[in-house]
Amino acid sequence: ILIFDEPFEGLDEIGRSFLIKLLGEKIRDRLSIITVHHEVDLKGSMKE
């Protein structure tokens, strides 16, 4: 289980991209809950 509160706020582009990559790894084996204040596009890195 991963639980993050607004994890993308304050990260630079490299940091944001790497976090999206980490979230996408082993996605079938875990549950992730994140909150966002501003829109963050995750769909390009994840399956439908």
ModelCIF file with pLDDT and N, C-alpha, C, O atoms, coordinates in Angstrom:
data_MODEL
#
_entry.id   MODEL 
#
_entity.id                         1 
_entity.type                       polymer 
_entity.pdbx_number_of_molecules   1 
#
_entity_poly.entity_id                      1 
_entity_poly.type                           'polypeptide(L)' 
_entity_poly.nstd_linkage                   no 
_entity_poly.nstd_monomer                   no 
_entity_poly.pdbx_seq_one_letter_code       ILIFDEPFEGLDEIGRSFLIKLLGEKIRDRLSIITVHHEVDLKGSMKE 
_entity_poly.pdbx_seq_one_letter_code_can   ILIFDEPFEGLDEIGRSFLIKLLGEKIRDRLSIITVHHEVDLKGSMKE 
_entity_poly.pdbx_strand_id                 A 
#
loop_
_entity_poly_seq.entity_id 
_entity_poly_seq.num 
_entity_poly_seq.mon_id 
_entity_poly_seq.hetero 
1 1  ILE n 
1 2  LEU n 
1 3  ILE n 
1 4  PHE n 
1 5  ASP n 
1 6  GLU n 
1 7  PRO n 
1 8  PHE n 
1 9  GLU n 
1 10 GLY n 
1 11 LEU n 
1 12 ASP n 
1 13 GLU n 
1 14 ILE n 
1 15 GLY n 
1 16 ARG n 
1 17 SER n 
1 18 PHE n 
1 19 LEU n 
1 20 ILE n 
1 21 LYS n 
1 22 LEU n 
1 23 LEU n 
1 24 GLY n 
1 25 GLU n 
1 26 LYS n 
1 27 ILE n 
1 28 ARG n 
1 29 ASP n 
1 30 ARG n 
1 31 LEU n 
1 32 SER n 
1 33 ILE n 
1 34 ILE n 
1 35 THR n 
1 36 VAL n 
1 37 HIS n 
1 38 HIS n 
1 39 GLU n 
1 40 VAL n 
1 41 ASP n 
1 42 LEU n 
1 43 LYS n 
1 44 GLY n 
1 45 SER n 
1 46 MET n 
1 47 LYS n 
1 48 GLU n 
#
_struct_asym.id          A 
_struct_asym.entity_id   1 
#
loop_
_ma_qa_metric.id 
_ma_qa_metric.mode 
_ma_qa_metric.name 
_ma_qa_metric.software_group_id 
_ma_qa_metric.type 
1 global pLDDT . pLDDT 
2 local  pLDDT . pLDDT 
#
_ma_qa_metric_global.metric_id      1 
_ma_qa_metric_global.metric_value   89.27 
_ma_qa_metric_global.model_id       1 
_ma_qa_metric_global.ordinal_id     1 
#
loop_
_ma_qa_metric_local.label_asym_id 
_ma_qa_metric_local.label_comp_id 
_ma_qa_metric_local.label_seq_id 
_ma_qa_metric_local.metric_id 
_ma_qa_metric_local.metric_value 
_ma_qa_metric_local.model_id 
_ma_qa_metric_local.ordinal_id 
A ILE 1  2 98.00 1 1  
A LEU 2  2 98.00 1 2  
A ILE 3  2 98.00 1 3  
A PHE 4  2 98.00 1 4  
A ASP 5  2 97.00 1 5  
A GLU 6  2 96.00 1 6  
A PRO 7  2 96.00 1 7  
A PHE 8  2 95.00 1 8  
A GLU 9  2 94.00 1 9  
A GLY 10 2 92.00 1 10 
A LEU 11 2 94.00 1 11 
A ASP 12 2 94.00 1 12 
A GLU 13 2 93.00 1 13 
A ILE 14 2 94.00 1 14 
A GLY 15 2 94.00 1 15 
A ARG 16 2 93.00 1 16 
A SER 17 2 92.00 1 17 
A PHE 18 2 94.00 1 18 
A LEU 19 2 95.00 1 19 
A ILE 20 2 92.00 1 20 
A LYS 21 2 91.00 1 21 
A LEU 22 2 94.00 1 22 
A LEU 23 2 93.00 1 23 
A GLY 24 2 90.00 1 24 
A GLU 25 2 89.00 1 25 
A LYS 26 2 87.00 1 26 
A ILE 27 2 88.00 1 27 
A ARG 28 2 86.00 1 28 
A ASP 29 2 90.00 1 29 
A ARG 30 2 95.00 1 30 
A LEU 31 2 95.00 1 31 
A SER 32 2 95.00 1 32 
A ILE 33 2 95.00 1 33 
A ILE 34 2 96.00 1 34 
A THR 35 2 96.00 1 35 
A VAL 36 2 93.00 1 36 
A HIS 37 2 85.00 1 37 
A HIS 38 2 80.00 1 38 
A GLU 39 2 78.00 1 39 
A VAL 40 2 84.00 1 40 
A ASP 41 2 79.00 1 41 
A LEU 42 2 82.00 1 42 
A LYS 43 2 68.00 1 43 
A GLY 44 2 65.00 1 44 
A SER 45 2 67.00 1 45 
A MET 46 2 77.00 1 46 
A LYS 47 2 77.00 1 47 
A GLU 48 2 73.00 1 48 
#
loop_
_atom_site.group_PDB 
_atom_site.id 
_atom_site.type_symbol 
_atom_site.label_atom_id 
_atom_site.label_alt_id 
_atom_site.label_comp_id 
_atom_site.label_asym_id 
_atom_site.label_entity_id 
_atom_site.label_seq_id 
_atom_site.pdbx_PDB_ins_code 
_atom_site.Cartn_x 
_atom_site.Cartn_y 
_atom_site.Cartn_z 
_atom_site.occupancy 
_atom_site.B_iso_or_equiv 
_atom_site.pdbx_formal_charge 
_atom_site.auth_seq_id 
_atom_site.auth_comp_id 
_atom_site.auth_asym_id 
_atom_site.auth_atom_id 
_atom_site.pdbx_PDB_model_num 
ATOM 1   N N  . ILE A 1 1  ? 0.857  -1.186 0.000   1.00 98.00 ? 1  ILE A N  1 
ATOM 2   C CA . ILE A 1 1  ? 0.000  0.000  0.000   1.00 98.00 ? 1  ILE A CA 1 
ATOM 3   C C  . ILE A 1 1  ? 0.892  1.235  0.000   1.00 98.00 ? 1  ILE A C  1 
ATOM 4   O O  . ILE A 1 1  ? 1.867  1.301  0.750   1.00 98.00 ? 1  ILE A O  1 
ATOM 5   N N  . LEU A 1 2  ? 0.561  2.215  -0.841  1.00 98.00 ? 2  LEU A N  1 
ATOM 6   C CA . LEU A 1 2  ? 1.231  3.514  -0.855  1.00 98.00 ? 2  LEU A CA 1 
ATOM 7   C C  . LEU A 1 2  ? 0.196  4.591  -0.592  1.00 98.00 ? 2  LEU A C  1 
ATOM 8   O O  . LEU A 1 2  ? -0.879 4.581  -1.192  1.00 98.00 ? 2  LEU A O  1 
ATOM 9   N N  . ILE A 1 3  ? 0.512  5.526  0.305   1.00 98.00 ? 3  ILE A N  1 
ATOM 10  C CA . ILE A 1 3  ? -0.394 6.633  0.608   1.00 98.00 ? 3  ILE A CA 1 
ATOM 11  C C  . ILE A 1 3  ? 0.425  7.917  0.635   1.00 98.00 ? 3  ILE A C  1 
ATOM 12  O O  . ILE A 1 3  ? 1.293  8.091  1.491   1.00 98.00 ? 3  ILE A O  1 
ATOM 13  N N  . PHE A 1 4  ? 0.143  8.818  -0.311  1.00 98.00 ? 4  PHE A N  1 
ATOM 14  C CA . PHE A 1 4  ? 0.881  10.076 -0.419  1.00 98.00 ? 4  PHE A CA 1 
ATOM 15  C C  . PHE A 1 4  ? -0.082 11.253 -0.504  1.00 98.00 ? 4  PHE A C  1 
ATOM 16  O O  . PHE A 1 4  ? -1.084 11.198 -1.218  1.00 98.00 ? 4  PHE A O  1 
ATOM 17  N N  . ASP A 1 5  ? 0.228  12.312 0.226   1.00 97.00 ? 5  ASP A N  1 
ATOM 18  C CA . ASP A 1 5  ? -0.579 13.541 0.193   1.00 97.00 ? 5  ASP A CA 1 
ATOM 19  C C  . ASP A 1 5  ? 0.105  14.575 -0.698  1.00 97.00 ? 5  ASP A C  1 
ATOM 20  O O  . ASP A 1 5  ? 1.164  15.102 -0.357  1.00 97.00 ? 5  ASP A O  1 
ATOM 21  N N  . GLU A 1 6  ? -0.512 14.854 -1.836  1.00 96.00 ? 6  GLU A N  1 
ATOM 22  C CA . GLU A 1 6  ? -0.011 15.823 -2.817  1.00 96.00 ? 6  GLU A CA 1 
ATOM 23  C C  . GLU A 1 6  ? 1.484  15.618 -3.100  1.00 96.00 ? 6  GLU A C  1 
ATOM 24  O O  . GLU A 1 6  ? 2.286  16.535 -2.922  1.00 96.00 ? 6  GLU A O  1 
ATOM 25  N N  . PRO A 1 7  ? 1.848  14.416 -3.539  1.00 96.00 ? 7  PRO A N  1 
ATOM 26  C CA . PRO A 1 7  ? 3.270  14.098 -3.708  1.00 96.00 ? 7  PRO A CA 1 
ATOM 27  C C  . PRO A 1 7  ? 3.973  14.858 -4.820  1.00 96.00 ? 7  PRO A C  1 
ATOM 28  O O  . PRO A 1 7  ? 5.198  14.978 -4.800  1.00 96.00 ? 7  PRO A O  1 
ATOM 29  N N  . PHE A 1 8  ? 3.221  15.378 -5.797  1.00 95.00 ? 8  PHE A N  1 
ATOM 30  C CA . PHE A 1 8  ? 3.855  16.057 -6.926  1.00 95.00 ? 8  PHE A CA 1 
ATOM 31  C C  . PHE A 1 8  ? 4.113  17.537 -6.669  1.00 95.00 ? 8  PHE A C  1 
ATOM 32  O O  . PHE A 1 8  ? 4.885  18.163 -7.396  1.00 95.00 ? 8  PHE A O  1 
ATOM 33  N N  . GLU A 1 9  ? 3.481  18.104 -5.648  1.00 94.00 ? 9  GLU A N  1 
ATOM 34  C CA . GLU A 1 9  ? 3.661  19.521 -5.347  1.00 94.00 ? 9  GLU A CA 1 
ATOM 35  C C  . GLU A 1 9  ? 5.104  19.788 -4.926  1.00 94.00 ? 9  GLU A C  1 
ATOM 36  O O  . GLU A 1 9  ? 5.621  19.125 -4.026  1.00 94.00 ? 9  GLU A O  1 
ATOM 37  N N  . GLY A 1 10 ? 5.745  20.741 -5.562  1.00 92.00 ? 10 GLY A N  1 
ATOM 38  C CA . GLY A 1 10 ? 7.095  21.145 -5.181  1.00 92.00 ? 10 GLY A CA 1 
ATOM 39  C C  . GLY A 1 10 ? 8.202  20.325 -5.800  1.00 92.00 ? 10 GLY A C  1 
ATOM 40  O O  . GLY A 1 10 ? 9.378  20.608 -5.568  1.00 92.00 ? 10 GLY A O  1 
ATOM 41  N N  . LEU A 1 11 ? 7.853  19.298 -6.594  1.00 94.00 ? 11 LEU A N  1 
ATOM 42  C CA . LEU A 1 11 ? 8.879  18.500 -7.264  1.00 94.00 ? 11 LEU A CA 1 
ATOM 43  C C  . LEU A 1 11 ? 9.240  19.106 -8.614  1.00 94.00 ? 11 LEU A C  1 
ATOM 44  O O  . LEU A 1 11 ? 8.389  19.676 -9.297  1.00 94.00 ? 11 LEU A O  1 
ATOM 45  N N  . ASP A 1 12 ? 10.515 18.978 -8.994  1.00 94.00 ? 12 ASP A N  1 
ATOM 46  C CA . ASP A 1 12 ? 10.909 19.425 -10.326 1.00 94.00 ? 12 ASP A CA 1 
ATOM 47  C C  . ASP A 1 12 ? 10.470 18.377 -11.347 1.00 94.00 ? 12 ASP A C  1 
ATOM 48  O O  . ASP A 1 12 ? 9.944  17.327 -10.977 1.00 94.00 ? 12 ASP A O  1 
ATOM 49  N N  . GLU A 1 13 ? 10.687 18.664 -12.635 1.00 93.00 ? 13 GLU A N  1 
ATOM 50  C CA . GLU A 1 13 ? 10.191 17.789 -13.697 1.00 93.00 ? 13 GLU A CA 1 
ATOM 51  C C  . GLU A 1 13 ? 10.794 16.390 -13.608 1.00 93.00 ? 13 GLU A C  1 
ATOM 52  O O  . GLU A 1 13 ? 10.097 15.397 -13.813 1.00 93.00 ? 13 GLU A O  1 
ATOM 53  N N  . ILE A 1 14 ? 12.088 16.312 -13.303 1.00 94.00 ? 14 ILE A N  1 
ATOM 54  C CA . ILE A 1 14 ? 12.728 15.001 -13.173 1.00 94.00 ? 14 ILE A CA 1 
ATOM 55  C C  . ILE A 1 14 ? 12.118 14.228 -12.004 1.00 94.00 ? 14 ILE A C  1 
ATOM 56  O O  . ILE A 1 14 ? 11.839 13.034 -12.111 1.00 94.00 ? 14 ILE A O  1 
ATOM 57  N N  . GLY A 1 15 ? 11.918 14.924 -10.894 1.00 94.00 ? 15 GLY A N  1 
ATOM 58  C CA . GLY A 1 15 ? 11.339 14.286 -9.718  1.00 94.00 ? 15 GLY A CA 1 
ATOM 59  C C  . GLY A 1 15 ? 9.927  13.794 -9.965  1.00 94.00 ? 15 GLY A C  1 
ATOM 60  O O  . GLY A 1 15 ? 9.552  12.712 -9.515  1.00 94.00 ? 15 GLY A O  1 
ATOM 61  N N  . ARG A 1 16 ? 9.138  14.595 -10.685 1.00 93.00 ? 16 ARG A N  1 
ATOM 62  C CA . ARG A 1 16 ? 7.752  14.203 -10.991 1.00 93.00 ? 16 ARG A CA 1 
ATOM 63  C C  . ARG A 1 16 ? 7.720  12.991 -11.916 1.00 93.00 ? 16 ARG A C  1 
ATOM 64  O O  . ARG A 1 16 ? 6.954  12.051 -11.701 1.00 93.00 ? 16 ARG A O  1 
ATOM 65  N N  . SER A 1 17 ? 8.562  13.026 -12.947 1.00 92.00 ? 17 SER A N  1 
ATOM 66  C CA . SER A 1 17 ? 8.583  11.927 -13.921 1.00 92.00 ? 17 SER A CA 1 
ATOM 67  C C  . SER A 1 17 ? 9.024  10.618 -13.264 1.00 92.00 ? 17 SER A C  1 
ATOM 68  O O  . SER A 1 17 ? 8.486  9.551  -13.559 1.00 92.00 ? 17 SER A O  1 
ATOM 69  N N  . PHE A 1 18 ? 10.004 10.715 -12.374 1.00 94.00 ? 18 PHE A N  1 
ATOM 70  C CA . PHE A 1 18 ? 10.491 9.499  -11.713 1.00 94.00 ? 18 PHE A CA 1 
ATOM 71  C C  . PHE A 1 18 ? 9.443  8.946  -10.755 1.00 94.00 ? 18 PHE A C  1 
ATOM 72  O O  . PHE A 1 18 ? 9.299  7.731  -10.626 1.00 94.00 ? 18 PHE A O  1 
ATOM 73  N N  . LEU A 1 19 ? 8.712  9.829  -10.084 1.00 95.00 ? 19 LEU A N  1 
ATOM 74  C CA . LEU A 1 19 ? 7.654  9.362  -9.181  1.00 95.00 ? 19 LEU A CA 1 
ATOM 75  C C  . LEU A 1 19 ? 6.557  8.650  -9.966  1.00 95.00 ? 19 LEU A C  1 
ATOM 76  O O  . LEU A 1 19 ? 6.050  7.619  -9.524  1.00 95.00 ? 19 LEU A O  1 
ATOM 77  N N  . ILE A 1 20 ? 6.189  9.186  -11.118 1.00 92.00 ? 20 ILE A N  1 
ATOM 78  C CA . ILE A 1 20 ? 5.183  8.515  -11.957 1.00 92.00 ? 20 ILE A CA 1 
ATOM 79  C C  . ILE A 1 20 ? 5.678  7.132  -12.355 1.00 92.00 ? 20 ILE A C  1 
ATOM 80  O O  . ILE A 1 20 ? 4.913  6.167  -12.364 1.00 92.00 ? 20 ILE A O  1 
ATOM 81  N N  . LYS A 1 21 ? 6.966  7.042  -12.686 1.00 91.00 ? 21 LYS A N  1 
ATOM 82  C CA . LYS A 1 21 ? 7.558  5.745  -13.047 1.00 91.00 ? 21 LYS A CA 1 
ATOM 83  C C  . LYS A 1 21 ? 7.475  4.770  -11.876 1.00 91.00 ? 21 LYS A C  1 
ATOM 84  O O  . LYS A 1 21 ? 7.104  3.610  -12.059 1.00 91.00 ? 21 LYS A O  1 
ATOM 85  N N  . LEU A 1 22 ? 7.818  5.235  -10.671 1.00 94.00 ? 22 LEU A N  1 
ATOM 86  C CA . LEU A 1 22 ? 7.766  4.365  -9.493  1.00 94.00 ? 22 LEU A CA 1 
ATOM 87  C C  . LEU A 1 22 ? 6.341  3.900  -9.210  1.00 94.00 ? 22 LEU A C  1 
ATOM 88  O O  . LEU A 1 22 ? 6.118  2.736  -8.877  1.00 94.00 ? 22 LEU A O  1 
ATOM 89  N N  . LEU A 1 23 ? 5.383  4.809  -9.343  1.00 93.00 ? 23 LEU A N  1 
ATOM 90  C CA . LEU A 1 23 ? 3.983  4.450  -9.108  1.00 93.00 ? 23 LEU A CA 1 
ATOM 91  C C  . LEU A 1 23 ? 3.502  3.399  -10.096 1.00 93.00 ? 23 LEU A C  1 
ATOM 92  O O  . LEU A 1 23 ? 2.659  2.563  -9.769  1.00 93.00 ? 23 LEU A O  1 
ATOM 93  N N  . GLY A 1 24 ? 4.046  3.449  -11.311 1.00 90.00 ? 24 GLY A N  1 
ATOM 94  C CA . GLY A 1 24 ? 3.625  2.516  -12.347 1.00 90.00 ? 24 GLY A CA 1 
ATOM 95  C C  . GLY A 1 24 ? 4.235  1.137  -12.220 1.00 90.00 ? 24 GLY A C  1 
ATOM 96  O O  . GLY A 1 24 ? 3.735  0.180  -12.812 1.00 90.00 ? 24 GLY A O  1 
ATOM 97  N N  . GLU A 1 25 ? 5.324  1.019  -11.447 1.00 89.00 ? 25 GLU A N  1 
ATOM 98  C CA . GLU A 1 25 ? 5.968  -0.272 -11.267 1.00 89.00 ? 25 GLU A CA 1 
ATOM 99  C C  . GLU A 1 25 ? 5.152  -1.160 -10.318 1.00 89.00 ? 25 GLU A C  1 
ATOM 100 O O  . GLU A 1 25 ? 4.624  -0.685 -9.313  1.00 89.00 ? 25 GLU A O  1 
ATOM 101 N N  . LYS A 1 26 ? 5.058  -2.430 -10.643 1.00 87.00 ? 26 LYS A N  1 
ATOM 102 C CA . LYS A 1 26 ? 4.363  -3.417 -9.797  1.00 87.00 ? 26 LYS A CA 1 
ATOM 103 C C  . LYS A 1 26 ? 2.948  -2.975 -9.437  1.00 87.00 ? 26 LYS A C  1 
ATOM 104 O O  . LYS A 1 26 ? 2.452  -3.270 -8.349  1.00 87.00 ? 26 LYS A O  1 
ATOM 105 N N  . ILE A 1 27 ? 2.309  -2.270 -10.355 1.00 88.00 ? 27 ILE A N  1 
ATOM 106 C CA . ILE A 1 27 ? 1.000  -1.689 -10.050 1.00 88.00 ? 27 ILE A CA 1 
ATOM 107 C C  . ILE A 1 27 ? -0.034 -2.768 -9.740  1.00 88.00 ? 27 ILE A C  1 
ATOM 108 O O  . ILE A 1 27 ? -0.951 -2.537 -8.951  1.00 88.00 ? 27 ILE A O  1 
ATOM 109 N N  . ARG A 1 28 ? 0.103  -3.937 -10.349 1.00 86.00 ? 28 ARG A N  1 
ATOM 110 C CA . ARG A 1 28 ? -0.877 -5.008 -10.116 1.00 86.00 ? 28 ARG A CA 1 
ATOM 111 C C  . ARG A 1 28 ? -0.738 -5.628 -8.729  1.00 86.00 ? 28 ARG A C  1 
ATOM 112 O O  . ARG A 1 28 ? -1.640 -6.313 -8.247  1.00 86.00 ? 28 ARG A O  1 
ATOM 113 N N  . ASP A 1 29 ? 0.410  -5.377 -8.096  1.00 90.00 ? 29 ASP A N  1 
ATOM 114 C CA . ASP A 1 29 ? 0.671  -5.995 -6.796  1.00 90.00 ? 29 ASP A CA 1 
ATOM 115 C C  . ASP A 1 29 ? 0.416  -5.072 -5.616  1.00 90.00 ? 29 ASP A C  1 
ATOM 116 O O  . ASP A 1 29 ? 0.583  -5.472 -4.464  1.00 90.00 ? 29 ASP A O  1 
ATOM 117 N N  . ARG A 1 30 ? 0.012  -3.838 -5.897  1.00 95.00 ? 30 ARG A N  1 
ATOM 118 C CA . ARG A 1 30 ? -0.153 -2.906 -4.786  1.00 95.00 ? 30 ARG A CA 1 
ATOM 119 C C  . ARG A 1 30 ? -1.334 -1.966 -5.011  1.00 95.00 ? 30 ARG A C  1 
ATOM 120 O O  . ARG A 1 30 ? -1.905 -1.893 -6.099  1.00 95.00 ? 30 ARG A O  1 
ATOM 121 N N  . LEU A 1 31 ? -1.669 -1.268 -3.965  1.00 95.00 ? 31 LEU A N  1 
ATOM 122 C CA . LEU A 1 31 ? -2.712 -0.243 -3.983  1.00 95.00 ? 31 LEU A CA 1 
ATOM 123 C C  . LEU A 1 31 ? -2.052 1.091  -3.666  1.00 95.00 ? 31 LEU A C  1 
ATOM 124 O O  . LEU A 1 31 ? -1.284 1.197  -2.710  1.00 95.00 ? 31 LEU A O  1 
ATOM 125 N N  . SER A 1 32 ? -2.350 2.102  -4.462  1.00 95.00 ? 32 SER A N  1 
ATOM 126 C CA . SER A 1 32 ? -1.797 3.434  -4.222  1.00 95.00 ? 32 SER A CA 1 
ATOM 127 C C  . SER A 1 32 ? -2.927 4.451  -4.088  1.00 95.00 ? 32 SER A C  1 
ATOM 128 O O  . SER A 1 32 ? -3.870 4.457  -4.879  1.00 95.00 ? 32 SER A O  1 
ATOM 129 N N  . ILE A 1 33 ? -2.816 5.310  -3.078  1.00 95.00 ? 33 ILE A N  1 
ATOM 130 C CA . ILE A 1 33 ? -3.765 6.418  -2.903  1.00 95.00 ? 33 ILE A CA 1 
ATOM 131 C C  . ILE A 1 33 ? -2.958 7.699  -2.857  1.00 95.00 ? 33 ILE A C  1 
ATOM 132 O O  . ILE A 1 33 ? -2.092 7.861  -1.997  1.00 95.00 ? 33 ILE A O  1 
ATOM 133 N N  . ILE A 1 34 ? -3.237 8.608  -3.775  1.00 96.00 ? 34 ILE A N  1 
ATOM 134 C CA . ILE A 1 34 ? -2.564 9.903  -3.776  1.00 96.00 ? 34 ILE A CA 1 
ATOM 135 C C  . ILE A 1 34 ? -3.613 11.001 -3.857  1.00 96.00 ? 34 ILE A C  1 
ATOM 136 O O  . ILE A 1 34 ? -4.698 10.800 -4.401  1.00 96.00 ? 34 ILE A O  1 
ATOM 137 N N  . THR A 1 35 ? -3.278 12.157 -3.311  1.00 96.00 ? 35 THR A N  1 
ATOM 138 C CA . THR A 1 35 ? -4.140 13.321 -3.473  1.00 96.00 ? 35 THR A CA 1 
ATOM 139 C C  . THR A 1 35 ? -3.418 14.332 -4.350  1.00 96.00 ? 35 THR A C  1 
ATOM 140 O O  . THR A 1 35 ? -2.189 14.405 -4.353  1.00 96.00 ? 35 THR A O  1 
ATOM 141 N N  . VAL A 1 36 ? -4.194 15.107 -5.091  1.00 93.00 ? 36 VAL A N  1 
ATOM 142 C CA . VAL A 1 36 ? -3.622 16.159 -5.934  1.00 93.00 ? 36 VAL A CA 1 
ATOM 143 C C  . VAL A 1 36 ? -4.463 17.412 -5.804  1.00 93.00 ? 36 VAL A C  1 
ATOM 144 O O  . VAL A 1 36 ? -5.690 17.358 -5.714  1.00 93.00 ? 36 VAL A O  1 
ATOM 145 N N  . HIS A 1 37 ? -3.772 18.543 -5.795  1.00 85.00 ? 37 HIS A N  1 
ATOM 146 C CA . HIS A 1 37 ? -4.469 19.832 -5.790  1.00 85.00 ? 37 HIS A CA 1 
ATOM 147 C C  . HIS A 1 37 ? -4.572 20.356 -7.218  1.00 85.00 ? 37 HIS A C  1 
ATOM 148 O O  . HIS A 1 37 ? -5.619 20.847 -7.639  1.00 85.00 ? 37 HIS A O  1 
ATOM 149 N N  . HIS A 1 38 ? -3.463 20.242 -7.957  1.00 80.00 ? 38 HIS A N  1 
ATOM 150 C CA . HIS A 1 38 ? -3.440 20.593 -9.380  1.00 80.00 ? 38 HIS A CA 1 
ATOM 151 C C  . HIS A 1 38 ? -3.437 19.306 -10.192 1.00 80.00 ? 38 HIS A C  1 
ATOM 152 O O  . HIS A 1 38 ? -2.941 18.275 -9.738  1.00 80.00 ? 38 HIS A O  1 
ATOM 153 N N  . GLU A 1 39 ? -3.990 19.373 -11.390 1.00 78.00 ? 39 GLU A N  1 
ATOM 154 C CA . GLU A 1 39 ? -4.119 18.186 -12.231 1.00 78.00 ? 39 GLU A CA 1 
ATOM 155 C C  . GLU A 1 39 ? -2.754 17.599 -12.582 1.00 78.00 ? 39 GLU A C  1 
ATOM 156 O O  . GLU A 1 39 ? -1.830 18.323 -12.953 1.00 78.00 ? 39 GLU A O  1 
ATOM 157 N N  . VAL A 1 40 ? -2.644 16.299 -12.463 1.00 84.00 ? 40 VAL A N  1 
ATOM 158 C CA . VAL A 1 40 ? -1.436 15.564 -12.833 1.00 84.00 ? 40 VAL A CA 1 
ATOM 159 C C  . VAL A 1 40 ? -1.859 14.438 -13.771 1.00 84.00 ? 40 VAL A C  1 
ATOM 160 O O  . VAL A 1 40 ? -2.736 13.642 -13.435 1.00 84.00 ? 40 VAL A O  1 
ATOM 161 N N  . ASP A 1 41 ? -1.238 14.375 -14.939 1.00 79.00 ? 41 ASP A N  1 
ATOM 162 C CA . ASP A 1 41 ? -1.600 13.358 -15.932 1.00 79.00 ? 41 ASP A CA 1 
ATOM 163 C C  . ASP A 1 41 ? -0.813 12.080 -15.683 1.00 79.00 ? 41 ASP A C  1 
ATOM 164 O O  . ASP A 1 41 ? 0.401  12.040 -15.886 1.00 79.00 ? 41 ASP A O  1 
ATOM 165 N N  . LEU A 1 42 ? -1.502 11.049 -15.247 1.00 82.00 ? 42 LEU A N  1 
ATOM 166 C CA . LEU A 1 42 ? -0.874 9.748  -15.041 1.00 82.00 ? 42 LEU A CA 1 
ATOM 167 C C  . LEU A 1 42 ? -1.213 8.767  -16.149 1.00 82.00 ? 42 LEU A C  1 
ATOM 168 O O  . LEU A 1 42 ? -0.577 7.721  -16.273 1.00 82.00 ? 42 LEU A O  1 
ATOM 169 N N  . LYS A 1 43 ? -2.205 9.097  -16.949 1.00 68.00 ? 43 LYS A N  1 
ATOM 170 C CA . LYS A 1 43 ? -2.757 8.132  -17.897 1.00 68.00 ? 43 LYS A CA 1 
ATOM 171 C C  . LYS A 1 43 ? -1.765 7.712  -18.963 1.00 68.00 ? 43 LYS A C  1 
ATOM 172 O O  . LYS A 1 43 ? -1.834 6.587  -19.459 1.00 68.00 ? 43 LYS A O  1 
ATOM 173 N N  . GLY A 1 44 ? -0.837 8.599  -19.327 1.00 65.00 ? 44 GLY A N  1 
ATOM 174 C CA . GLY A 1 44 ? 0.131  8.252  -20.358 1.00 65.00 ? 44 GLY A CA 1 
ATOM 175 C C  . GLY A 1 44 ? 1.071  7.145  -19.951 1.00 65.00 ? 44 GLY A C  1 
ATOM 176 O O  . GLY A 1 44 ? 1.671  6.489  -20.802 1.00 65.00 ? 44 GLY A O  1 
ATOM 177 N N  . SER A 1 45 ? 1.208  6.927  -18.628 1.00 67.00 ? 45 SER A N  1 
ATOM 178 C CA . SER A 1 45 ? 2.145  5.923  -18.135 1.00 67.00 ? 45 SER A CA 1 
ATOM 179 C C  . SER A 1 45 ? 1.451  4.671  -17.599 1.00 67.00 ? 45 SER A C  1 
ATOM 180 O O  . SER A 1 45 ? 2.120  3.699  -17.250 1.00 67.00 ? 45 SER A O  1 
ATOM 181 N N  . MET A 1 46 ? 0.134  4.684  -17.531 1.00 77.00 ? 46 MET A N  1 
ATOM 182 C CA . MET A 1 46 ? -0.601 3.559  -16.949 1.00 77.00 ? 46 MET A CA 1 
ATOM 183 C C  . MET A 1 46 ? -1.567 2.961  -17.979 1.00 77.00 ? 46 MET A C  1 
ATOM 184 O O  . MET A 1 46 ? -1.894 3.587  -18.988 1.00 77.00 ? 46 MET A O  1 
ATOM 185 N N  . LYS A 1 47 ? -2.005 1.754  -17.698 1.00 77.00 ? 47 LYS A N  1 
ATOM 186 C CA . LYS A 1 47 ? -2.962 1.103  -18.579 1.00 77.00 ? 47 LYS A CA 1 
ATOM 187 C C  . LYS A 1 47 ? -4.385 1.529  -18.229 1.00 77.00 ? 47 LYS A C  1 
ATOM 188 O O  . LYS A 1 47 ? -4.662 2.032  -17.140 1.00 77.00 ? 47 LYS A O  1 
ATOM 189 N N  . GLU A 1 48 ? -5.260 1.312  -19.182 1.00 73.00 ? 48 GLU A N  1 
ATOM 190 C CA . GLU A 1 48 ? -6.674 1.638  -18.968 1.00 73.00 ? 48 GLU A CA 1 
ATOM 191 C C  . GLU A 1 48 ? -7.209 0.879  -17.761 1.00 73.00 ? 48 GLU A C  1 
ATOM 192 O O  . GLU A 1 48 ? -8.382 1.017  -17.414 1.00 73.00 ? 48 GLU A O  1 
#
